[in-house]
N, C-alpha and C. Protein backbone atom coordinates (compact mmCIF):
# COMPACT_ATOMS: atom_id res chain seq x y z
N THR A 1 -131.47 -98.13 149.08
CA THR A 1 -130.61 -97.06 149.65
C THR A 1 -130.51 -96.33 148.51
N ALA A 2 -130.50 -95.20 149.05
CA ALA A 2 -130.32 -93.96 147.97
C ALA A 2 -128.90 -93.07 148.61
N LEU A 3 -128.35 -92.59 147.57
CA LEU A 3 -126.87 -91.97 147.74
C LEU A 3 -127.10 -90.84 147.34
N THR A 4 -127.23 -89.53 147.96
CA THR A 4 -127.73 -88.34 147.57
C THR A 4 -126.19 -87.82 147.11
N THR A 5 -126.64 -86.35 146.25
CA THR A 5 -125.51 -85.98 145.75
C THR A 5 -124.65 -84.88 146.85
N SER A 6 -124.69 -84.86 148.13
CA SER A 6 -124.13 -84.42 148.86
C SER A 6 -123.18 -85.59 150.04
N GLY A 7 -123.84 -86.73 149.33
CA GLY A 7 -123.06 -87.90 149.84
C GLY A 7 -123.69 -88.42 150.95
N PHE A 8 -125.12 -88.53 151.40
CA PHE A 8 -125.51 -88.89 152.36
C PHE A 8 -126.37 -90.04 151.73
N TYR A 9 -126.42 -91.12 152.56
CA TYR A 9 -127.01 -92.45 152.32
C TYR A 9 -128.52 -92.51 152.82
N GLY A 10 -129.20 -92.86 152.34
CA GLY A 10 -130.83 -92.91 153.01
C GLY A 10 -131.75 -93.84 152.31
N VAL A 11 -132.86 -93.93 152.74
CA VAL A 11 -134.01 -94.59 152.35
C VAL A 11 -135.03 -93.89 151.57
N ILE A 12 -135.37 -94.15 150.46
CA ILE A 12 -136.31 -93.37 149.87
C ILE A 12 -138.04 -93.66 150.38
N ILE A 13 -139.11 -93.23 151.05
CA ILE A 13 -140.09 -93.56 151.56
C ILE A 13 -141.07 -92.85 151.24
N ASP A 14 -141.27 -92.11 149.99
CA ASP A 14 -142.25 -91.64 149.03
C ASP A 14 -141.51 -90.85 148.22
N ILE A 15 -142.66 -90.77 147.01
CA ILE A 15 -142.01 -90.53 145.68
C ILE A 15 -142.85 -89.78 145.70
N THR A 16 -143.00 -88.36 145.06
CA THR A 16 -144.16 -87.59 144.41
C THR A 16 -143.51 -87.20 142.94
N ASP A 17 -144.00 -86.28 141.93
CA ASP A 17 -143.61 -85.49 140.57
C ASP A 17 -142.11 -85.53 140.55
N ASP A 18 -141.73 -84.62 141.63
CA ASP A 18 -140.32 -83.87 141.69
C ASP A 18 -139.88 -84.10 142.80
N ASP A 19 -140.19 -84.94 143.66
CA ASP A 19 -139.58 -85.02 145.27
C ASP A 19 -139.77 -86.41 145.20
N VAL A 20 -138.91 -86.36 146.42
CA VAL A 20 -138.94 -87.85 146.99
C VAL A 20 -138.52 -87.30 148.73
N ILE A 21 -139.14 -88.24 149.59
CA ILE A 21 -138.64 -88.18 150.87
C ILE A 21 -137.84 -89.26 151.46
N VAL A 22 -137.23 -88.75 151.98
CA VAL A 22 -135.80 -89.84 152.34
C VAL A 22 -135.56 -89.84 154.18
N GLU A 23 -135.36 -91.19 154.63
CA GLU A 23 -135.11 -91.51 155.56
C GLU A 23 -133.58 -91.90 156.02
N PHE A 24 -133.21 -90.96 156.84
CA PHE A 24 -131.43 -91.23 157.17
C PHE A 24 -131.40 -91.65 158.24
N GLY A 25 -130.51 -92.35 158.59
CA GLY A 25 -130.27 -93.50 160.03
C GLY A 25 -131.00 -93.59 160.63
N ASN A 26 -131.47 -94.31 161.66
CA ASN A 26 -131.69 -95.25 162.38
C ASN A 26 -133.29 -94.67 162.81
N ASN A 27 -132.85 -93.21 162.94
CA ASN A 27 -134.19 -92.41 163.82
C ASN A 27 -135.24 -92.03 162.52
N LYS A 28 -136.52 -92.84 162.91
CA LYS A 28 -137.43 -92.44 162.27
C LYS A 28 -138.07 -90.97 161.70
N ASN A 29 -137.91 -90.36 162.93
CA ASN A 29 -137.94 -88.96 162.84
C ASN A 29 -136.87 -88.06 161.81
N CYS A 30 -136.00 -88.47 161.06
CA CYS A 30 -134.86 -87.89 160.21
C CYS A 30 -135.49 -87.93 158.76
N ARG A 31 -136.53 -87.42 158.64
CA ARG A 31 -137.33 -87.43 157.11
C ARG A 31 -137.09 -86.20 156.38
N ILE A 32 -136.51 -86.25 155.10
CA ILE A 32 -136.20 -85.07 154.71
C ILE A 32 -136.47 -84.94 153.00
N PRO A 33 -137.52 -84.42 152.42
CA PRO A 33 -137.97 -84.09 151.31
C PRO A 33 -136.93 -83.35 150.44
N MET A 34 -136.60 -83.82 149.47
CA MET A 34 -135.33 -83.73 148.56
C MET A 34 -135.89 -83.39 147.05
N GLN A 35 -135.48 -82.69 146.24
CA GLN A 35 -135.63 -82.68 144.78
C GLN A 35 -135.28 -84.21 144.47
N LYS A 36 -136.01 -84.53 143.36
CA LYS A 36 -135.26 -86.13 143.02
C LYS A 36 -134.03 -85.96 142.09
N SER A 37 -133.65 -84.83 141.57
CA SER A 37 -132.45 -84.67 141.04
C SER A 37 -131.09 -84.82 142.19
N ALA A 38 -131.57 -84.45 143.28
CA ALA A 38 -130.46 -84.75 144.54
C ALA A 38 -130.30 -86.36 144.91
N ILE A 39 -130.70 -87.34 143.90
CA ILE A 39 -130.16 -88.67 144.49
C ILE A 39 -129.12 -88.92 143.21
N ALA A 40 -127.90 -89.12 143.61
CA ALA A 40 -126.89 -89.41 142.69
C ALA A 40 -127.10 -91.19 142.44
N GLN A 41 -127.61 -92.03 143.38
CA GLN A 41 -127.56 -93.51 142.83
C GLN A 41 -128.47 -94.18 143.94
N ILE A 42 -129.11 -95.20 143.09
CA ILE A 42 -130.09 -95.85 144.18
C ILE A 42 -129.03 -97.48 144.01
N GLU A 43 -129.09 -97.73 144.90
CA GLU A 43 -128.74 -99.40 145.43
C GLU A 43 -129.71 -99.99 145.16
N LYS A 44 -130.03 -101.18 144.44
CA LYS A 44 -131.00 -102.11 144.75
C LYS A 44 -130.87 -103.08 145.91
N PRO A 45 -131.76 -103.52 146.46
CA PRO A 45 -131.52 -104.61 147.29
C PRO A 45 -131.43 -106.19 146.68
N ASN A 46 -130.51 -107.00 147.35
CA ASN A 46 -130.10 -108.03 146.78
C ASN A 46 -131.40 -109.19 146.83
N ALA A 47 -131.86 -109.63 146.13
CA ALA A 47 -132.92 -110.62 146.22
C ALA A 47 -132.16 -111.83 146.40
N GLU A 48 -132.93 -112.42 147.48
CA GLU A 48 -132.39 -113.34 148.48
C GLU A 48 -133.33 -114.41 148.78
C-alpha cells in the first residue's frame, strides 16, 4: 500500500523511470499515473 502526498492510499501496479501507476479503492478502473515524488510512504505487506 502506498500513501500519496495528498493523503490517498492505493496500490502501485506499475513503475517506470519517473512515474508510477496507482490503483485506488476496489474499482479496478481507478488507476492513476503519478510522479514518484507524489508517493509519501510505502507500507510493506506483513510476511506471514
